[in-house]
Structure formats: C-alpha cells, structure tokens
Amino acid sequence: MLGGAVFPKLNWSSPRDASWMAFGNTLKCTAPEDVYLLLKSSDFIVHDLTQPFLFCDHESGGADKEVDIQYDLVLRKWHTIDGVGEFRCFVKDDDIVGVSQRDMSKHHDVIDKSKQDICQDILHFFHSKIQEKFDDDSCTCNGLLPILHQIIQCGFPRLHHFCPIL
C-alpha cells in the first residue's frame, strides 16, 4: 500500500489530463492501481516518456538529441487544495508581466476583495525568492497562496503547445 493518499508525477509532468479516469475526478491515489491507471491514461506522461524533446529547439539539443533520461516517479503526500489560492505568474526579462488565477472556471469574490494584498504577496515572493536566481529570465511559475502573506509552494511548469496556458 501507499501509506496514505498520494499525488503522482514524473520528472516533468503529472497525469492531470487523466483525472477524468479516476474516482472523483482527482489525482488522489490511495492504492498502486490508482497510480497505474492515471499514468497509463495520461498523454502528458506518454509524451514525457516517448518524446520529451519533441518541441525543443535544435540549438539547445532539441528533438534529435539522444539523451539517456533517468525517470523518477514521485509520490507526494496528498493535500486538498482550494483553487482560489492558486496563481500563475508570467515572467519576461526577469520581471513579472502578468498574474492570473489558475481556476478560471468560477469567480472568487475573495480575490476581488484582496487583490492588492495578493499582488503584493506575489511580488514580494518573486523579488525575494525567484528574481535573478535562474538562468532563464522568461518563464512561468505557479504559486499557492492558501492564506494572505504566506506563499507555501512554487513550481515552474514546462509550457508547450499542447499544455493549457493556465
């Protein structure tokens, strides 16, 4: 058994496009069979395993580069996340040029009421933890702000043509 509920992912991607296959339409796994089902049903995972560099440019070693990749299956402890606190930041030339809530399916009044504080928290986190600390000065990053003034995680998703922008 897994020792509790987990969230599965490989080096780069999670099987988020396969959540419709799982009970409750989530990525929450409580048994190895749940993990197998999500991984086998995900186009994102298949892409990572079979053509990880397909959309890379040729100057950086792109699609034709033969690389021996060590894949890791990561099973993170499951946490239920309220989508109201998830944001995506767009960075260009080492400055934030845009911020959007990730959950575009509904309006959250709390975001309207706290917009100034949320923007301040995100900008403070960016300037203190991210800006000028990475080789790539244009990227996207996801932040989780479950309560004001406390960003608890940040991720840097790969963006390519078949991934949703948010």
N, C-alpha and C. Protein backbone atom coordinates (compact mmCIF):
# COMPACT_ATOMS: atom_id res chain seq x y z
N MET A 1 0.83 -1.18 0.00
CA MET A 1 0.00 0.00 0.00
C MET A 1 0.87 1.25 0.00
N LEU A 2 0.25 2.39 -0.16
CA LEU A 2 0.98 3.65 -0.31
C LEU A 2 1.23 4.38 1.00
N GLY A 3 0.62 3.95 2.09
CA GLY A 3 0.83 4.62 3.36
C GLY A 3 0.06 5.93 3.47
N GLY A 4 -1.04 6.04 2.76
CA GLY A 4 -1.84 7.27 2.74
C GLY A 4 -2.05 7.72 1.31
N ALA A 5 -2.83 8.75 1.15
CA ALA A 5 -3.13 9.27 -0.19
C ALA A 5 -1.93 10.03 -0.75
N VAL A 6 -1.70 9.86 -2.06
CA VAL A 6 -0.56 10.49 -2.72
C VAL A 6 -1.00 11.16 -4.02
N PHE A 7 -0.12 12.04 -4.50
CA PHE A 7 -0.27 12.70 -5.79
C PHE A 7 0.92 12.24 -6.66
N PRO A 8 0.66 11.54 -7.78
CA PRO A 8 1.77 11.01 -8.59
C PRO A 8 2.23 11.98 -9.67
N LYS A 9 3.53 11.95 -9.95
CA LYS A 9 4.07 12.70 -11.10
C LYS A 9 5.40 12.10 -11.48
N LEU A 10 5.81 12.37 -12.70
CA LEU A 10 7.16 12.00 -13.15
C LEU A 10 8.03 13.24 -13.05
N ASN A 11 9.24 13.16 -13.61
CA ASN A 11 10.19 14.27 -13.55
C ASN A 11 9.55 15.62 -13.90
N TRP A 12 8.80 15.66 -15.00
CA TRP A 12 8.30 16.93 -15.51
C TRP A 12 6.80 17.09 -15.33
N SER A 13 6.06 16.05 -15.56
CA SER A 13 4.60 16.19 -15.65
C SER A 13 3.85 15.34 -14.65
N SER A 14 2.66 15.80 -14.36
CA SER A 14 1.71 14.98 -13.62
C SER A 14 0.65 14.52 -14.62
N PRO A 15 -0.07 13.47 -14.30
CA PRO A 15 -1.10 12.97 -15.24
C PRO A 15 -2.42 13.73 -15.12
N ARG A 16 -2.35 15.06 -15.03
CA ARG A 16 -3.55 15.87 -14.78
C ARG A 16 -4.59 15.74 -15.90
N ASP A 17 -4.17 15.38 -17.09
CA ASP A 17 -5.13 15.20 -18.18
C ASP A 17 -5.90 13.90 -18.06
N ALA A 18 -5.54 13.04 -17.11
CA ALA A 18 -6.21 11.75 -16.94
C ALA A 18 -7.09 11.71 -15.69
N SER A 19 -7.28 12.83 -15.03
CA SER A 19 -8.07 12.83 -13.79
C SER A 19 -9.50 12.33 -14.03
N TRP A 20 -10.01 12.50 -15.23
CA TRP A 20 -11.35 12.03 -15.54
C TRP A 20 -11.48 10.51 -15.42
N MET A 21 -10.36 9.80 -15.46
CA MET A 21 -10.37 8.33 -15.34
C MET A 21 -10.54 7.87 -13.89
N ALA A 22 -10.15 8.73 -12.96
CA ALA A 22 -10.11 8.34 -11.55
C ALA A 22 -11.43 8.59 -10.85
N PHE A 23 -11.64 7.85 -9.79
CA PHE A 23 -12.83 8.04 -8.97
C PHE A 23 -12.78 9.45 -8.38
N GLY A 24 -13.85 10.20 -8.55
CA GLY A 24 -13.91 11.56 -8.02
C GLY A 24 -13.25 12.60 -8.91
N ASN A 25 -12.74 12.19 -10.06
CA ASN A 25 -12.07 13.11 -11.00
C ASN A 25 -10.92 13.88 -10.36
N THR A 26 -10.14 13.23 -9.53
CA THR A 26 -8.98 13.87 -8.91
C THR A 26 -7.73 13.05 -9.20
N LEU A 27 -6.59 13.57 -8.82
CA LEU A 27 -5.33 12.85 -8.95
C LEU A 27 -4.95 12.18 -7.64
N LYS A 28 -5.87 12.11 -6.72
CA LYS A 28 -5.65 11.48 -5.42
C LYS A 28 -5.60 9.96 -5.59
N CYS A 29 -4.48 9.37 -5.16
CA CYS A 29 -4.30 7.92 -5.28
C CYS A 29 -4.14 7.32 -3.89
N THR A 30 -4.87 6.24 -3.66
CA THR A 30 -4.79 5.55 -2.36
C THR A 30 -4.28 4.13 -2.50
N ALA A 31 -4.08 3.68 -3.73
CA ALA A 31 -3.57 2.33 -3.99
C ALA A 31 -2.69 2.36 -5.23
N PRO A 32 -1.76 1.43 -5.36
CA PRO A 32 -0.91 1.40 -6.56
C PRO A 32 -1.70 1.36 -7.86
N GLU A 33 -2.85 0.69 -7.85
CA GLU A 33 -3.67 0.61 -9.05
C GLU A 33 -4.13 2.00 -9.51
N ASP A 34 -4.39 2.89 -8.56
CA ASP A 34 -4.79 4.26 -8.91
C ASP A 34 -3.66 4.97 -9.65
N VAL A 35 -2.44 4.79 -9.17
CA VAL A 35 -1.27 5.41 -9.80
C VAL A 35 -1.09 4.86 -11.22
N TYR A 36 -1.15 3.54 -11.37
CA TYR A 36 -1.00 2.92 -12.69
C TYR A 36 -2.06 3.43 -13.66
N LEU A 37 -3.30 3.50 -13.21
CA LEU A 37 -4.39 3.95 -14.07
C LEU A 37 -4.14 5.36 -14.59
N LEU A 38 -3.75 6.26 -13.70
CA LEU A 38 -3.51 7.65 -14.12
C LEU A 38 -2.31 7.75 -15.07
N LEU A 39 -1.22 7.08 -14.73
CA LEU A 39 -0.02 7.15 -15.58
C LEU A 39 -0.28 6.57 -16.97
N LYS A 40 -0.96 5.43 -17.03
CA LYS A 40 -1.23 4.79 -18.32
C LYS A 40 -2.24 5.57 -19.17
N SER A 41 -3.07 6.39 -18.53
CA SER A 41 -4.13 7.11 -19.24
C SER A 41 -3.73 8.53 -19.65
N SER A 42 -2.55 8.96 -19.29
CA SER A 42 -2.15 10.35 -19.49
C SER A 42 -1.33 10.58 -20.76
N ASP A 43 -1.77 11.49 -21.60
CA ASP A 43 -1.00 11.89 -22.77
C ASP A 43 0.25 12.66 -22.34
N PHE A 44 0.18 13.42 -21.26
CA PHE A 44 1.35 14.15 -20.78
C PHE A 44 2.47 13.19 -20.38
N ILE A 45 2.12 12.12 -19.70
CA ILE A 45 3.11 11.14 -19.27
C ILE A 45 3.68 10.40 -20.48
N VAL A 46 2.82 10.02 -21.41
CA VAL A 46 3.28 9.34 -22.63
C VAL A 46 4.26 10.24 -23.38
N HIS A 47 3.95 11.52 -23.49
CA HIS A 47 4.86 12.45 -24.16
C HIS A 47 6.21 12.50 -23.46
N ASP A 48 6.20 12.62 -22.13
CA ASP A 48 7.45 12.68 -21.38
C ASP A 48 8.30 11.43 -21.56
N LEU A 49 7.65 10.28 -21.67
CA LEU A 49 8.38 9.01 -21.80
C LEU A 49 8.85 8.72 -23.22
N THR A 50 8.11 9.19 -24.20
CA THR A 50 8.42 8.80 -25.58
C THR A 50 9.04 9.91 -26.43
N GLN A 51 8.69 11.17 -26.17
CA GLN A 51 9.17 12.28 -27.00
C GLN A 51 9.41 13.53 -26.15
N PRO A 52 10.23 13.45 -25.12
CA PRO A 52 10.35 14.58 -24.20
C PRO A 52 10.92 15.85 -24.83
N PHE A 53 11.69 15.73 -25.90
CA PHE A 53 12.32 16.90 -26.51
C PHE A 53 11.72 17.27 -27.86
N LEU A 54 10.53 16.74 -28.16
CA LEU A 54 9.92 16.93 -29.46
C LEU A 54 9.78 18.41 -29.83
N PHE A 55 9.43 19.26 -28.89
CA PHE A 55 9.17 20.66 -29.21
C PHE A 55 10.29 21.59 -28.75
N CYS A 56 11.45 21.03 -28.47
CA CYS A 56 12.61 21.85 -28.11
C CYS A 56 13.27 22.34 -29.39
N ASP A 57 13.95 23.47 -29.30
CA ASP A 57 14.63 23.96 -30.50
C ASP A 57 15.92 23.17 -30.71
N HIS A 58 16.37 23.13 -31.93
CA HIS A 58 17.54 22.33 -32.28
C HIS A 58 18.83 22.92 -31.75
N GLU A 59 18.86 24.23 -31.50
CA GLU A 59 20.08 24.86 -30.99
C GLU A 59 20.42 24.37 -29.59
N SER A 60 19.40 24.01 -28.81
CA SER A 60 19.67 23.55 -27.45
C SER A 60 19.68 22.03 -27.36
N GLY A 61 19.78 21.38 -28.48
CA GLY A 61 19.84 19.94 -28.46
C GLY A 61 18.53 19.30 -28.85
N GLY A 62 17.50 20.02 -29.00
CA GLY A 62 16.17 19.71 -29.45
C GLY A 62 15.77 18.28 -29.68
N ALA A 63 14.86 18.10 -30.61
CA ALA A 63 14.17 16.84 -30.84
C ALA A 63 15.09 15.70 -31.27
N ASP A 64 16.19 16.00 -31.97
CA ASP A 64 17.04 14.94 -32.47
C ASP A 64 18.10 14.47 -31.48
N LYS A 65 18.18 15.12 -30.36
CA LYS A 65 19.21 14.80 -29.38
C LYS A 65 18.89 13.48 -28.69
N GLU A 66 19.86 12.58 -28.68
CA GLU A 66 19.72 11.31 -27.97
C GLU A 66 20.21 11.50 -26.54
N VAL A 67 19.32 11.35 -25.60
CA VAL A 67 19.67 11.55 -24.20
C VAL A 67 19.15 10.37 -23.40
N ASP A 68 19.97 9.88 -22.51
CA ASP A 68 19.54 8.83 -21.60
C ASP A 68 18.96 9.51 -20.37
N ILE A 69 17.65 9.45 -20.23
CA ILE A 69 16.96 10.14 -19.14
C ILE A 69 16.67 9.16 -18.02
N GLN A 70 16.98 9.57 -16.82
CA GLN A 70 16.62 8.80 -15.63
C GLN A 70 15.28 9.33 -15.15
N TYR A 71 14.22 8.54 -15.33
CA TYR A 71 12.90 8.98 -14.90
C TYR A 71 12.68 8.63 -13.44
N ASP A 72 12.01 9.52 -12.75
CA ASP A 72 11.66 9.30 -11.35
C ASP A 72 10.16 9.41 -11.19
N LEU A 73 9.58 8.45 -10.51
CA LEU A 73 8.17 8.52 -10.13
C LEU A 73 8.14 9.14 -8.74
N VAL A 74 7.49 10.27 -8.63
CA VAL A 74 7.40 10.98 -7.36
C VAL A 74 5.99 10.83 -6.83
N LEU A 75 5.88 10.36 -5.60
CA LEU A 75 4.58 10.23 -4.93
C LEU A 75 4.56 11.22 -3.78
N ARG A 76 3.93 12.34 -4.01
CA ARG A 76 3.85 13.38 -2.97
C ARG A 76 2.63 13.12 -2.09
N LYS A 77 2.77 13.48 -0.82
CA LYS A 77 1.64 13.36 0.10
C LYS A 77 0.49 14.20 -0.44
N TRP A 78 -0.71 13.61 -0.43
CA TRP A 78 -1.88 14.29 -0.95
C TRP A 78 -2.34 15.40 -0.02
N HIS A 79 -2.61 16.56 -0.60
CA HIS A 79 -3.22 17.68 0.11
C HIS A 79 -4.35 18.19 -0.75
N THR A 80 -5.50 18.40 -0.16
CA THR A 80 -6.60 19.00 -0.89
C THR A 80 -6.33 20.50 -0.98
N ILE A 81 -6.34 21.02 -2.18
CA ILE A 81 -6.00 22.42 -2.42
C ILE A 81 -7.24 23.16 -2.92
N ASP A 82 -7.53 24.27 -2.28
CA ASP A 82 -8.62 25.13 -2.72
C ASP A 82 -8.09 25.97 -3.88
N GLY A 83 -8.70 25.87 -5.04
CA GLY A 83 -8.23 26.56 -6.24
C GLY A 83 -8.19 28.07 -6.13
N VAL A 84 -8.86 28.63 -5.15
CA VAL A 84 -8.88 30.09 -5.01
C VAL A 84 -7.50 30.64 -4.72
N GLY A 85 -6.60 29.84 -4.16
CA GLY A 85 -5.27 30.32 -3.80
C GLY A 85 -4.18 29.99 -4.80
N GLU A 86 -4.54 29.44 -5.95
CA GLU A 86 -3.54 29.08 -6.96
C GLU A 86 -3.43 30.19 -8.01
N PHE A 87 -2.18 30.59 -8.28
CA PHE A 87 -1.94 31.65 -9.25
C PHE A 87 -0.80 31.26 -10.19
N ARG A 88 -0.86 31.74 -11.42
CA ARG A 88 0.23 31.58 -12.38
C ARG A 88 0.79 32.95 -12.68
N CYS A 89 2.12 33.04 -12.59
CA CYS A 89 2.82 34.29 -12.88
C CYS A 89 3.58 34.14 -14.19
N PHE A 90 3.56 35.18 -14.98
CA PHE A 90 4.25 35.21 -16.26
C PHE A 90 5.43 36.16 -16.13
N VAL A 91 6.63 35.64 -16.39
CA VAL A 91 7.86 36.41 -16.20
C VAL A 91 8.53 36.61 -17.54
N LYS A 92 8.88 37.86 -17.86
CA LYS A 92 9.59 38.18 -19.09
C LYS A 92 10.73 39.12 -18.74
N ASP A 93 11.92 38.78 -19.19
CA ASP A 93 13.11 39.59 -18.91
C ASP A 93 13.26 39.87 -17.42
N ASP A 94 13.01 38.84 -16.61
CA ASP A 94 13.18 38.85 -15.16
C ASP A 94 12.25 39.82 -14.42
N ASP A 95 11.10 40.12 -15.01
CA ASP A 95 10.07 40.92 -14.35
C ASP A 95 8.71 40.26 -14.55
N ILE A 96 7.86 40.33 -13.55
CA ILE A 96 6.51 39.81 -13.69
C ILE A 96 5.72 40.73 -14.62
N VAL A 97 5.15 40.12 -15.67
CA VAL A 97 4.35 40.91 -16.62
C VAL A 97 2.86 40.57 -16.49
N GLY A 98 2.54 39.52 -15.73
CA GLY A 98 1.14 39.17 -15.54
C GLY A 98 0.96 38.12 -14.46
N VAL A 99 -0.20 38.16 -13.84
CA VAL A 99 -0.59 37.18 -12.83
C VAL A 99 -2.04 36.81 -13.09
N SER A 100 -2.36 35.53 -13.01
CA SER A 100 -3.72 35.09 -13.23
C SER A 100 -4.07 34.01 -12.23
N GLN A 101 -5.33 33.96 -11.82
CA GLN A 101 -5.75 32.83 -11.01
C GLN A 101 -5.75 31.61 -11.91
N ARG A 102 -5.43 30.44 -11.36
CA ARG A 102 -5.39 29.22 -12.15
C ARG A 102 -6.78 28.68 -12.44
N ASP A 103 -7.68 28.78 -11.48
CA ASP A 103 -9.03 28.24 -11.63
C ASP A 103 -9.90 29.27 -12.33
N MET A 104 -10.01 29.14 -13.64
CA MET A 104 -10.79 30.09 -14.43
C MET A 104 -12.25 29.67 -14.56
N SER A 105 -12.64 28.58 -13.90
CA SER A 105 -14.00 28.07 -14.06
C SER A 105 -15.02 28.81 -13.22
N LYS A 106 -14.55 29.60 -12.24
CA LYS A 106 -15.51 30.33 -11.41
C LYS A 106 -14.89 31.62 -10.87
N HIS A 107 -15.76 32.52 -10.50
CA HIS A 107 -15.34 33.80 -9.93
C HIS A 107 -15.21 33.65 -8.42
N HIS A 108 -14.14 34.20 -7.86
CA HIS A 108 -13.92 34.14 -6.41
C HIS A 108 -13.95 35.56 -5.86
N ASP A 109 -14.98 35.89 -5.09
CA ASP A 109 -15.11 37.22 -4.51
C ASP A 109 -13.91 37.60 -3.65
N VAL A 110 -13.34 36.61 -2.95
CA VAL A 110 -12.21 36.91 -2.05
C VAL A 110 -11.01 37.46 -2.83
N ILE A 111 -10.86 37.05 -4.08
CA ILE A 111 -9.75 37.57 -4.88
C ILE A 111 -9.98 39.05 -5.17
N ASP A 112 -11.20 39.41 -5.53
CA ASP A 112 -11.51 40.83 -5.77
C ASP A 112 -11.25 41.67 -4.53
N LYS A 113 -11.68 41.16 -3.39
CA LYS A 113 -11.55 41.91 -2.14
C LYS A 113 -10.10 42.04 -1.68
N SER A 114 -9.26 41.07 -2.04
CA SER A 114 -7.88 41.04 -1.54
C SER A 114 -6.85 41.24 -2.65
N LYS A 115 -7.28 41.75 -3.79
CA LYS A 115 -6.41 41.84 -4.96
C LYS A 115 -5.09 42.56 -4.66
N GLN A 116 -5.14 43.68 -3.96
CA GLN A 116 -3.93 44.45 -3.65
C GLN A 116 -2.96 43.61 -2.81
N ASP A 117 -3.49 42.97 -1.76
CA ASP A 117 -2.65 42.16 -0.86
C ASP A 117 -2.06 40.96 -1.59
N ILE A 118 -2.88 40.32 -2.42
CA ILE A 118 -2.41 39.16 -3.18
C ILE A 118 -1.27 39.57 -4.10
N CYS A 119 -1.44 40.65 -4.84
CA CYS A 119 -0.39 41.12 -5.75
C CYS A 119 0.88 41.48 -4.97
N GLN A 120 0.73 42.13 -3.84
CA GLN A 120 1.90 42.47 -3.00
C GLN A 120 2.62 41.22 -2.55
N ASP A 121 1.87 40.22 -2.08
CA ASP A 121 2.48 38.96 -1.61
C ASP A 121 3.24 38.26 -2.74
N ILE A 122 2.62 38.21 -3.91
CA ILE A 122 3.26 37.54 -5.05
C ILE A 122 4.51 38.30 -5.47
N LEU A 123 4.43 39.61 -5.56
CA LEU A 123 5.60 40.41 -5.95
C LEU A 123 6.73 40.28 -4.92
N HIS A 124 6.39 40.30 -3.65
CA HIS A 124 7.41 40.14 -2.61
C HIS A 124 8.09 38.78 -2.72
N PHE A 125 7.30 37.73 -2.90
CA PHE A 125 7.85 36.39 -3.04
C PHE A 125 8.75 36.32 -4.28
N PHE A 126 8.29 36.88 -5.38
CA PHE A 126 9.07 36.85 -6.62
C PHE A 126 10.40 37.58 -6.44
N HIS A 127 10.36 38.79 -5.89
CA HIS A 127 11.59 39.57 -5.74
C HIS A 127 12.56 38.93 -4.74
N SER A 128 12.06 38.29 -3.71
CA SER A 128 12.96 37.73 -2.69
C SER A 128 13.42 36.31 -2.99
N LYS A 129 12.64 35.53 -3.74
CA LYS A 129 12.96 34.11 -3.91
C LYS A 129 13.26 33.69 -5.35
N ILE A 130 12.80 34.44 -6.34
CA ILE A 130 12.89 33.97 -7.72
C ILE A 130 13.73 34.88 -8.61
N GLN A 131 13.48 36.18 -8.55
CA GLN A 131 14.13 37.11 -9.47
C GLN A 131 15.65 37.01 -9.39
N GLU A 132 16.29 36.95 -10.55
CA GLU A 132 17.75 36.88 -10.71
C GLU A 132 18.38 35.63 -10.11
N LYS A 133 17.59 34.58 -9.90
CA LYS A 133 18.13 33.35 -9.31
C LYS A 133 18.12 32.18 -10.30
N PHE A 134 17.63 32.41 -11.53
CA PHE A 134 17.54 31.34 -12.52
C PHE A 134 18.18 31.78 -13.82
N ASP A 135 18.67 30.81 -14.58
CA ASP A 135 19.29 31.11 -15.86
C ASP A 135 18.29 31.68 -16.86
N ASP A 136 17.07 31.15 -16.82
CA ASP A 136 16.05 31.58 -17.77
C ASP A 136 15.30 32.77 -17.17
N ASP A 137 15.41 33.94 -17.81
CA ASP A 137 14.76 35.12 -17.25
C ASP A 137 13.35 35.34 -17.81
N SER A 138 12.85 34.40 -18.60
CA SER A 138 11.47 34.44 -19.07
C SER A 138 10.87 33.05 -18.85
N CYS A 139 9.82 32.99 -18.03
CA CYS A 139 9.25 31.69 -17.67
C CYS A 139 7.86 31.90 -17.08
N THR A 140 7.26 30.82 -16.68
CA THR A 140 6.03 30.88 -15.90
C THR A 140 6.31 30.21 -14.57
N CYS A 141 5.60 30.62 -13.53
CA CYS A 141 5.71 29.94 -12.25
C CYS A 141 4.34 29.92 -11.59
N ASN A 142 4.07 28.84 -10.91
CA ASN A 142 2.80 28.67 -10.20
C ASN A 142 3.05 28.87 -8.73
N GLY A 143 2.14 29.59 -8.08
CA GLY A 143 2.25 29.79 -6.65
C GLY A 143 0.97 29.40 -5.95
N LEU A 144 1.11 28.94 -4.72
CA LEU A 144 -0.03 28.58 -3.91
C LEU A 144 -0.05 29.50 -2.70
N LEU A 145 -1.11 30.27 -2.58
CA LEU A 145 -1.27 31.26 -1.52
C LEU A 145 -2.53 30.90 -0.75
N PRO A 146 -2.41 29.93 0.20
CA PRO A 146 -3.61 29.47 0.88
C PRO A 146 -4.21 30.52 1.83
N ILE A 147 -3.37 31.35 2.41
CA ILE A 147 -3.82 32.48 3.22
C ILE A 147 -2.95 33.67 2.86
N LEU A 148 -3.45 34.85 3.06
CA LEU A 148 -2.68 36.03 2.71
C LEU A 148 -1.34 36.05 3.43
N HIS A 149 -0.34 36.56 2.74
CA HIS A 149 1.01 36.76 3.26
C HIS A 149 1.78 35.45 3.48
N GLN A 150 1.35 34.35 2.85
CA GLN A 150 2.07 33.09 3.03
C GLN A 150 1.99 32.25 1.76
N ILE A 151 2.98 32.40 0.89
CA ILE A 151 3.08 31.53 -0.29
C ILE A 151 3.83 30.29 0.16
N ILE A 152 3.22 29.12 0.00
CA ILE A 152 3.83 27.91 0.54
C ILE A 152 4.50 27.03 -0.49
N GLN A 153 4.23 27.27 -1.75
CA GLN A 153 4.93 26.46 -2.74
C GLN A 153 4.99 27.20 -4.06
N CYS A 154 5.95 26.82 -4.84
CA CYS A 154 6.11 27.44 -6.14
C CYS A 154 6.62 26.38 -7.10
N GLY A 155 6.07 26.34 -8.30
CA GLY A 155 6.51 25.39 -9.30
C GLY A 155 6.74 26.09 -10.61
N PHE A 156 7.57 25.50 -11.44
CA PHE A 156 7.90 26.06 -12.74
C PHE A 156 7.51 25.06 -13.82
N PRO A 157 6.26 25.16 -14.31
CA PRO A 157 5.80 24.19 -15.30
C PRO A 157 6.43 24.42 -16.67
N ARG A 158 6.60 23.32 -17.40
CA ARG A 158 7.02 23.44 -18.79
C ARG A 158 5.80 23.84 -19.60
N LEU A 159 5.97 24.78 -20.48
CA LEU A 159 4.88 25.16 -21.36
C LEU A 159 5.24 24.74 -22.78
N HIS A 160 4.33 24.06 -23.41
CA HIS A 160 4.50 23.72 -24.81
C HIS A 160 3.12 23.72 -25.45
N HIS A 161 3.07 23.49 -26.72
CA HIS A 161 1.84 23.76 -27.46
C HIS A 161 0.62 22.98 -27.01
N PHE A 162 0.78 21.80 -26.39
CA PHE A 162 -0.40 21.06 -26.00
C PHE A 162 -0.79 21.22 -24.53
N CYS A 163 -0.10 22.12 -23.81
CA CYS A 163 -0.44 22.39 -22.42
C CYS A 163 -1.31 23.65 -22.35
N PRO A 164 -2.32 23.63 -21.50
CA PRO A 164 -3.11 24.85 -21.35
C PRO A 164 -2.26 25.95 -20.72
N ILE A 165 -2.45 27.18 -21.15
CA ILE A 165 -1.66 28.29 -20.66
C ILE A 165 -1.90 28.54 -19.18
N LEU A 166 -3.09 28.22 -18.66
CA LEU A 166 -3.36 28.38 -17.24
C LEU A 166 -3.50 27.01 -16.62
